[in-house]
PDB file of N, CA and C in Angstrom:
ATOM      1  N   UNK A   1      31.609 -18.321  19.708  1.00  0.00           N
ATOM      2  CA  UNK A   1      32.066 -16.967  19.444  1.00  0.00           C
ATOM      3  C   UNK A   1      31.240 -15.990  20.265  1.00  0.00           C
ATOM      4  N   UNK A   2      31.900 -15.175  21.042  1.00  0.00           N
ATOM      5  CA  UNK A   2      31.181 -14.183  21.827  1.00  0.00           C
ATOM      6  C   UNK A   2      31.003 -12.904  20.996  1.00  0.00           C
ATOM      7  N   UNK A   3      29.933 -12.228  21.278  1.00  0.00           N
ATOM      8  CA  UNK A   3      29.623 -11.009  20.524  1.00  0.00           C
ATOM      9  C   UNK A   3      30.151  -9.808  21.295  1.00  0.00           C
ATOM     10  N   UNK A   4      30.923  -8.979  20.618  1.00  0.00           N
ATOM     11  CA  UNK A   4      31.375  -7.701  21.176  1.00  0.00           C
ATOM     12  C   UNK A   4      30.374  -6.646  20.703  1.00  0.00           C
ATOM     13  N   UNK A   5      29.566  -6.153  21.623  1.00  0.00           N
ATOM     14  CA  UNK A   5      28.489  -5.227  21.290  1.00  0.00           C
ATOM     15  C   UNK A   5      28.941  -3.778  21.351  1.00  0.00           C
ATOM     16  N   UNK A   6      28.445  -2.997  20.436  1.00  0.00           N
ATOM     17  CA  UNK A   6      28.528  -1.544  20.499  1.00  0.00           C
ATOM     18  C   UNK A   6      27.105  -1.092  20.812  1.00  0.00           C
ATOM     19  N   UNK A   7      26.883  -0.621  22.023  1.00  0.00           N
ATOM     20  CA  UNK A   7      25.553  -0.211  22.464  1.00  0.00           C
ATOM     21  C   UNK A   7      25.497   1.307  22.459  1.00  0.00           C
ATOM     22  N   UNK A   8      24.521   1.847  21.751  1.00  0.00           N
ATOM     23  CA  UNK A   8      24.379   3.301  21.684  1.00  0.00           C
ATOM     24  C   UNK A   8      22.922   3.696  21.865  1.00  0.00           C
ATOM     25  N   UNK A   9      22.726   4.945  22.199  1.00  0.00           N
ATOM     26  CA  UNK A   9      21.388   5.482  22.440  1.00  0.00           C
ATOM     27  C   UNK A   9      20.960   6.503  21.385  1.00  0.00           C
ATOM     28  N   UNK A  10      21.691   6.577  20.295  1.00  0.00           N
ATOM     29  CA  UNK A  10      21.400   7.570  19.255  1.00  0.00           C
ATOM     30  C   UNK A  10      20.048   7.320  18.600  1.00  0.00           C
ATOM     31  N   UNK A  11      19.352   8.408  18.320  1.00  0.00           N
ATOM     32  CA  UNK A  11      18.095   8.371  17.566  1.00  0.00           C
ATOM     33  C   UNK A  11      18.187   9.484  16.517  1.00  0.00           C
ATOM     34  N   UNK A  12      17.940   9.128  15.260  1.00  0.00           N
ATOM     35  CA  UNK A  12      17.992  10.120  14.191  1.00  0.00           C
ATOM     36  C   UNK A  12      16.592  10.465  13.726  1.00  0.00           C
ATOM     37  N   UNK A  13      16.435  11.715  13.268  1.00  0.00           N
ATOM     38  CA  UNK A  13      15.147  12.173  12.778  1.00  0.00           C
ATOM     39  C   UNK A  13      14.886  11.742  11.345  1.00  0.00           C
ATOM     40  N   UNK A  14      15.943  11.664  10.554  1.00  0.00           N
ATOM     41  CA  UNK A  14      15.743  11.372   9.133  1.00  0.00           C
ATOM     42  C   UNK A  14      16.369  10.041   8.738  1.00  0.00           C
ATOM     43  N   UNK A  15      15.838   9.483   7.667  1.00  0.00           N
ATOM     44  CA  UNK A  15      16.407   8.261   7.116  1.00  0.00           C
ATOM     45  C   UNK A  15      17.813   8.499   6.587  1.00  0.00           C
ATOM     46  N   UNK A  16      18.051   9.660   6.033  1.00  0.00           N
ATOM     47  CA  UNK A  16      19.365   9.974   5.482  1.00  0.00           C
ATOM     48  C   UNK A  16      20.441   9.932   6.571  1.00  0.00           C
ATOM     49  N   UNK A  17      20.164  10.567   7.709  1.00  0.00           N
ATOM     50  CA  UNK A  17      21.130  10.559   8.814  1.00  0.00           C
ATOM     51  C   UNK A  17      21.417   9.135   9.281  1.00  0.00           C
ATOM     52  N   UNK A  18      20.370   8.332   9.400  1.00  0.00           N
ATOM     53  CA  UNK A  18      20.535   6.950   9.841  1.00  0.00           C
ATOM     54  C   UNK A  18      21.337   6.144   8.829  1.00  0.00           C
ATOM     55  N   UNK A  19      21.122   6.386   7.548  1.00  0.00           N
ATOM     56  CA  UNK A  19      21.850   5.667   6.508  1.00  0.00           C
ATOM     57  C   UNK A  19      23.339   6.012   6.533  1.00  0.00           C
ATOM     58  N   UNK A  20      23.659   7.279   6.686  1.00  0.00           N
ATOM     59  CA  UNK A  20      25.064   7.700   6.748  1.00  0.00           C
ATOM     60  C   UNK A  20      25.732   7.093   7.980  1.00  0.00           C
ATOM     61  N   UNK A  21      25.042   7.108   9.107  1.00  0.00           N
ATOM     62  CA  UNK A  21      25.591   6.535  10.333  1.00  0.00           C
ATOM     63  C   UNK A  21      25.814   5.032  10.177  1.00  0.00           C
ATOM     64  N   UNK A  22      24.827   4.341   9.616  1.00  0.00           N
ATOM     65  CA  UNK A  22      24.934   2.895   9.432  1.00  0.00           C
ATOM     66  C   UNK A  22      26.089   2.531   8.495  1.00  0.00           C
ATOM     67  N   UNK A  23      26.333   3.365   7.507  1.00  0.00           N
ATOM     68  CA  UNK A  23      27.440   3.122   6.590  1.00  0.00           C
ATOM     69  C   UNK A  23      28.769   3.134   7.335  1.00  0.00           C
ATOM     70  N   UNK A  24      28.932   4.083   8.247  1.00  0.00           N
ATOM     71  CA  UNK A  24      30.170   4.140   9.027  1.00  0.00           C
ATOM     72  C   UNK A  24      30.267   2.946   9.989  1.00  0.00           C
ATOM     73  N   UNK A  25      29.138   2.511  10.533  1.00  0.00           N
ATOM     74  CA  UNK A  25      29.130   1.347  11.422  1.00  0.00           C
ATOM     75  C   UNK A  25      29.522   0.079  10.670  1.00  0.00           C
ATOM     76  N   UNK A  26      29.033  -0.059   9.453  1.00  0.00           N
ATOM     77  CA  UNK A  26      29.363  -1.236   8.655  1.00  0.00           C
ATOM     78  C   UNK A  26      30.871  -1.312   8.424  1.00  0.00           C
ATOM     79  N   UNK A  27      31.499  -0.175   8.193  1.00  0.00           N
ATOM     80  CA  UNK A  27      32.952  -0.153   8.017  1.00  0.00           C
ATOM     81  C   UNK A  27      33.665  -0.612   9.288  1.00  0.00           C
ATOM     82  N   UNK A  28      33.181  -0.171  10.440  1.00  0.00           N
ATOM     83  CA  UNK A  28      33.790  -0.563  11.707  1.00  0.00           C
ATOM     84  C   UNK A  28      33.605  -2.056  11.981  1.00  0.00           C
ATOM     85  N   UNK A  29      32.443  -2.580  11.613  1.00  0.00           N
ATOM     86  CA  UNK A  29      32.199  -4.003  11.809  1.00  0.00           C
ATOM     87  C   UNK A  29      33.024  -4.832  10.827  1.00  0.00           C
ATOM     88  N   UNK A  30      33.198  -4.340   9.623  1.00  0.00           N
ATOM     89  CA  UNK A  30      34.040  -5.029   8.647  1.00  0.00           C
ATOM     90  C   UNK A  30      35.494  -5.066   9.130  1.00  0.00           C
ATOM     91  N   UNK A  31      35.917  -4.007   9.813  1.00  0.00           N
ATOM     92  CA  UNK A  31      37.273  -3.953  10.374  1.00  0.00           C
ATOM     93  C   UNK A  31      37.388  -4.785  11.653  1.00  0.00           C
ATOM     94  N   UNK A  32      36.303  -5.411  12.066  1.00  0.00           N
ATOM     95  CA  UNK A  32      36.258  -6.303  13.227  1.00  0.00           C
ATOM     96  C   UNK A  32      36.491  -5.585  14.556  1.00  0.00           C
ATOM     97  N   UNK A  33      36.103  -4.300  14.640  1.00  0.00           N
ATOM     98  CA  UNK A  33      36.203  -3.591  15.918  1.00  0.00           C
ATOM     99  C   UNK A  33      35.181  -4.148  16.905  1.00  0.00           C
ATOM    100  N   UNK A  34      34.039  -4.540  16.403  1.00  0.00           N
ATOM    101  CA  UNK A  34      32.996  -5.223  17.167  1.00  0.00           C
ATOM    102  C   UNK A  34      32.145  -5.977  16.165  1.00  0.00           C
ATOM    103  N   UNK A  35      31.337  -6.915  16.635  1.00  0.00           N
ATOM    104  CA  UNK A  35      30.517  -7.677  15.697  1.00  0.00           C
ATOM    105  C   UNK A  35      29.023  -7.605  15.995  1.00  0.00           C
ATOM    106  N   UNK A  36      28.640  -6.727  16.905  1.00  0.00           N
ATOM    107  CA  UNK A  36      27.231  -6.529  17.190  1.00  0.00           C
ATOM    108  C   UNK A  36      26.922  -5.074  17.482  1.00  0.00           C
ATOM    109  N   UNK A  37      25.726  -4.660  17.115  1.00  0.00           N
ATOM    110  CA  UNK A  37      25.303  -3.278  17.348  1.00  0.00           C
ATOM    111  C   UNK A  37      23.913  -3.307  17.954  1.00  0.00           C
ATOM    112  N   UNK A  38      23.709  -2.530  19.013  1.00  0.00           N
ATOM    113  CA  UNK A  38      22.449  -2.476  19.750  1.00  0.00           C
ATOM    114  C   UNK A  38      21.989  -1.023  19.797  1.00  0.00           C
ATOM    115  N   UNK A  39      20.751  -0.767  19.345  1.00  0.00           N
ATOM    116  CA  UNK A  39      20.252   0.603  19.222  1.00  0.00           C
ATOM    117  C   UNK A  39      18.751   0.668  19.487  1.00  0.00           C
ATOM    118  N   UNK A  40      18.255   1.810  19.942  1.00  0.00           N
ATOM    119  CA  UNK A  40      16.811   1.987  20.053  1.00  0.00           C
ATOM    120  C   UNK A  40      16.184   2.480  18.740  1.00  0.00           C
ATOM    121  N   UNK A  41      17.004   2.809  17.739  1.00  0.00           N
ATOM    122  CA  UNK A  41      16.521   3.400  16.490  1.00  0.00           C
ATOM    123  C   UNK A  41      16.423   2.337  15.391  1.00  0.00           C
ATOM    124  N   UNK A  42      15.205   2.015  14.993  1.00  0.00           N
ATOM    125  CA  UNK A  42      15.003   0.990  13.971  1.00  0.00           C
ATOM    126  C   UNK A  42      15.600   1.395  12.631  1.00  0.00           C
ATOM    127  N   UNK A  43      15.704   2.687  12.370  1.00  0.00           N
ATOM    128  CA  UNK A  43      16.252   3.144  11.087  1.00  0.00           C
ATOM    129  C   UNK A  43      17.719   2.756  10.955  1.00  0.00           C
ATOM    130  N   UNK A  44      18.471   2.908  12.024  1.00  0.00           N
ATOM    131  CA  UNK A  44      19.885   2.526  11.998  1.00  0.00           C
ATOM    132  C   UNK A  44      20.007   1.019  11.791  1.00  0.00           C
ATOM    133  N   UNK A  45      19.254   0.234  12.536  1.00  0.00           N
ATOM    134  CA  UNK A  45      19.321  -1.224  12.421  1.00  0.00           C
ATOM    135  C   UNK A  45      18.954  -1.676  11.014  1.00  0.00           C
ATOM    136  N   UNK A  46      17.947  -1.067  10.430  1.00  0.00           N
ATOM    137  CA  UNK A  46      17.504  -1.405   9.081  1.00  0.00           C
ATOM    138  C   UNK A  46      18.622  -1.194   8.066  1.00  0.00           C
ATOM    139  N   UNK A  47      19.189  -0.003   8.052  1.00  0.00           N
ATOM    140  CA  UNK A  47      20.245   0.295   7.088  1.00  0.00           C
ATOM    141  C   UNK A  47      21.510  -0.506   7.358  1.00  0.00           C
ATOM    142  N   UNK A  48      21.838  -0.720   8.623  1.00  0.00           N
ATOM    143  CA  UNK A  48      23.033  -1.477   8.957  1.00  0.00           C
ATOM    144  C   UNK A  48      22.920  -2.922   8.449  1.00  0.00           C
ATOM    145  N   UNK A  49      21.775  -3.544   8.651  1.00  0.00           N
ATOM    146  CA  UNK A  49      21.586  -4.919   8.186  1.00  0.00           C
ATOM    147  C   UNK A  49      21.757  -5.015   6.674  1.00  0.00           C
ATOM    148  N   UNK A  50      21.226  -4.060   5.942  1.00  0.00           N
ATOM    149  CA  UNK A  50      21.362  -4.094   4.490  1.00  0.00           C
ATOM    150  C   UNK A  50      22.780  -3.803   4.033  1.00  0.00           C
ATOM    151  N   UNK A  51      23.470  -2.906   4.710  1.00  0.00           N
ATOM    152  CA  UNK A  51      24.875  -2.637   4.362  1.00  0.00           C
ATOM    153  C   UNK A  51      25.736  -3.874   4.607  1.00  0.00           C
ATOM    154  N   UNK A  52      25.532  -4.520   5.740  1.00  0.00           N
ATOM    155  CA  UNK A  52      26.336  -5.690   6.073  1.00  0.00           C
ATOM    156  C   UNK A  52      26.019  -6.878   5.168  1.00  0.00           C
ATOM    157  N   UNK A  53      24.810  -6.952   4.660  1.00  0.00           N
ATOM    158  CA  UNK A  53      24.423  -8.060   3.777  1.00  0.00           C
ATOM    159  C   UNK A  53      25.218  -8.046   2.470  1.00  0.00           C
ATOM    160  N   UNK A  54      25.818  -6.931   2.139  1.00  0.00           N
ATOM    161  CA  UNK A  54      26.627  -6.838   0.920  1.00  0.00           C
ATOM    162  C   UNK A  54      27.989  -7.522   1.089  1.00  0.00           C
ATOM    163  N   UNK A  55      28.374  -7.818   2.310  1.00  0.00           N
ATOM    164  CA  UNK A  55      29.689  -8.413   2.588  1.00  0.00           C
ATOM    165  C   UNK A  55      29.535  -9.935   2.604  1.00  0.00           C
ATOM    166  N   UNK A  56      30.148 -10.592   1.642  1.00  0.00           N
ATOM    167  CA  UNK A  56      29.963 -12.030   1.452  1.00  0.00           C
ATOM    168  C   UNK A  56      30.467 -12.869   2.625  1.00  0.00           C
ATOM    169  N   UNK A  57      31.465 -12.368   3.366  1.00  0.00           N
ATOM    170  CA  UNK A  57      32.017 -13.142   4.472  1.00  0.00           C
ATOM    171  C   UNK A  57      31.117 -13.159   5.706  1.00  0.00           C
ATOM    172  N   UNK A  58      30.074 -12.346   5.735  1.00  0.00           N
ATOM    173  CA  UNK A  58      29.224 -12.209   6.916  1.00  0.00           C
ATOM    174  C   UNK A  58      27.884 -12.918   6.747  1.00  0.00           C
ATOM    175  N   UNK A  59      27.431 -13.512   7.836  1.00  0.00           N
ATOM    176  CA  UNK A  59      26.044 -13.925   7.966  1.00  0.00           C
ATOM    177  C   UNK A  59      25.416 -12.940   8.945  1.00  0.00           C
ATOM    178  N   UNK A  60      24.319 -12.328   8.542  1.00  0.00           N
ATOM    179  CA  UNK A  60      23.692 -11.263   9.326  1.00  0.00           C
ATOM    180  C   UNK A  60      22.573 -11.843  10.183  1.00  0.00           C
ATOM    181  N   UNK A  61      22.539 -11.421  11.426  1.00  0.00           N
ATOM    182  CA  UNK A  61      21.467 -11.797  12.349  1.00  0.00           C
ATOM    183  C   UNK A  61      20.852 -10.517  12.906  1.00  0.00           C
ATOM    184  N   UNK A  62      19.561 -10.572  13.153  1.00  0.00           N
ATOM    185  CA  UNK A  62      18.875  -9.424  13.749  1.00  0.00           C
ATOM    186  C   UNK A  62      17.931  -9.916  14.843  1.00  0.00           C
ATOM    187  N   UNK A  63      17.660  -9.020  15.774  1.00  0.00           N
ATOM    188  CA  UNK A  63      16.713  -9.324  16.844  1.00  0.00           C
ATOM    189  C   UNK A  63      16.056  -8.017  17.285  1.00  0.00           C
ATOM    190  N   UNK A  64      14.856  -8.165  17.805  1.00  0.00           N
ATOM    191  CA  UNK A  64      14.126  -7.001  18.314  1.00  0.00           C
ATOM    192  C   UNK A  64      13.549  -7.355  19.676  1.00  0.00           C
ATOM    193  N   UNK A  65      13.763  -6.456  20.626  1.00  0.00           N
ATOM    194  CA  UNK A  65      13.096  -6.579  21.913  1.00  0.00           C
ATOM    195  C   UNK A  65      12.039  -5.487  21.947  1.00  0.00           C
ATOM    196  N   UNK A  66      11.488  -5.248  23.088  1.00  0.00           N
ATOM    197  CA  UNK A  66      10.414  -4.252  23.192  1.00  0.00           C
ATOM    198  C   UNK A  66      10.876  -2.873  22.720  1.00  0.00           C
ATOM    199  N   UNK A  67      12.074  -2.459  23.124  1.00  0.00           N
ATOM    200  CA  UNK A  67      12.519  -1.104  22.796  1.00  0.00           C
ATOM    201  C   UNK A  67      13.926  -1.037  22.204  1.00  0.00           C
ATOM    202  N   UNK A  68      14.477  -2.161  21.780  1.00  0.00           N
ATOM    203  CA  UNK A  68      15.841  -2.206  21.245  1.00  0.00           C
ATOM    204  C   UNK A  68      15.884  -3.037  19.969  1.00  0.00           C
ATOM    205  N   UNK A  69      16.835  -2.711  19.115  1.00  0.00           N
ATOM    206  CA  UNK A  69      17.093  -3.458  17.889  1.00  0.00           C
ATOM    207  C   UNK A  69      18.548  -3.871  17.888  1.00  0.00           C
ATOM    208  N   UNK A  70      18.804  -5.116  17.519  1.00  0.00           N
ATOM    209  CA  UNK A  70      20.161  -5.627  17.494  1.00  0.00           C
ATOM    210  C   UNK A  70      20.487  -6.194  16.118  1.00  0.00           C
ATOM    211  N   UNK A  71      21.704  -5.919  15.674  1.00  0.00           N
ATOM    212  CA  UNK A  71      22.234  -6.485  14.434  1.00  0.00           C
ATOM    213  C   UNK A  71      23.619  -7.015  14.779  1.00  0.00           C
ATOM    214  N   UNK A  72      23.875  -8.267  14.416  1.00  0.00           N
ATOM    215  CA  UNK A  72      25.208  -8.811  14.647  1.00  0.00           C
ATOM    216  C   UNK A  72      25.579  -9.726  13.487  1.00  0.00           C
ATOM    217  N   UNK A  73      26.859  -9.988  13.382  1.00  0.00           N
ATOM    218  CA  UNK A  73      27.355 -10.799  12.278  1.00  0.00           C
ATOM    219  C   UNK A  73      28.154 -11.982  12.800  1.00  0.00           C
ATOM    220  N   UNK A  74      28.137 -13.038  12.023  1.00  0.00           N
ATOM    221  CA  UNK A  74      29.062 -14.142  12.213  1.00  0.00           C
ATOM    222  C   UNK A  74      29.867 -14.244  10.923  1.00  0.00           C
ATOM    223  N   UNK A  75      31.091 -14.670  11.063  1.00  0.00           N
ATOM    224  CA  UNK A  75      31.985 -14.725   9.908  1.00  0.00           C
ATOM    225  C   UNK A  75      31.938 -16.109   9.302  1.00  0.00           C
ATOM    226  N   UNK A  76      31.658 -16.166   8.003  1.00  0.00           N
ATOM    227  CA  UNK A  76      31.640 -17.439   7.285  1.00  0.00           C
ATOM    228  C   UNK A  76      33.063 -17.924   7.094  1.00  0.00           C
ATOM    229  N   UNK A  77      33.285 -19.192   7.323  1.00  0.00           N
ATOM    230  CA  UNK A  77      34.650 -19.704   7.133  1.00  0.00           C
ATOM    231  C   UNK A  77      34.774 -20.468   5.835  1.00  0.00           C
TER     232      UNK A  77
END
């Protein structure tokens, strides 16, 4: 399975902004628009991973490079 990444450069100042953004991303990933998200903002990755963990059909994966955070899902069959 290849990963369709949504790569963005957004950085939020507050945890609240990142949480609201991550909530909308989780909806898009649940709708299968893409299955991976790449961001420089750890707050978005943190909230996104926890939002996606609530979906039983998904297995959540995360990775960190020097300046990027990635969250992606695989679908349980």
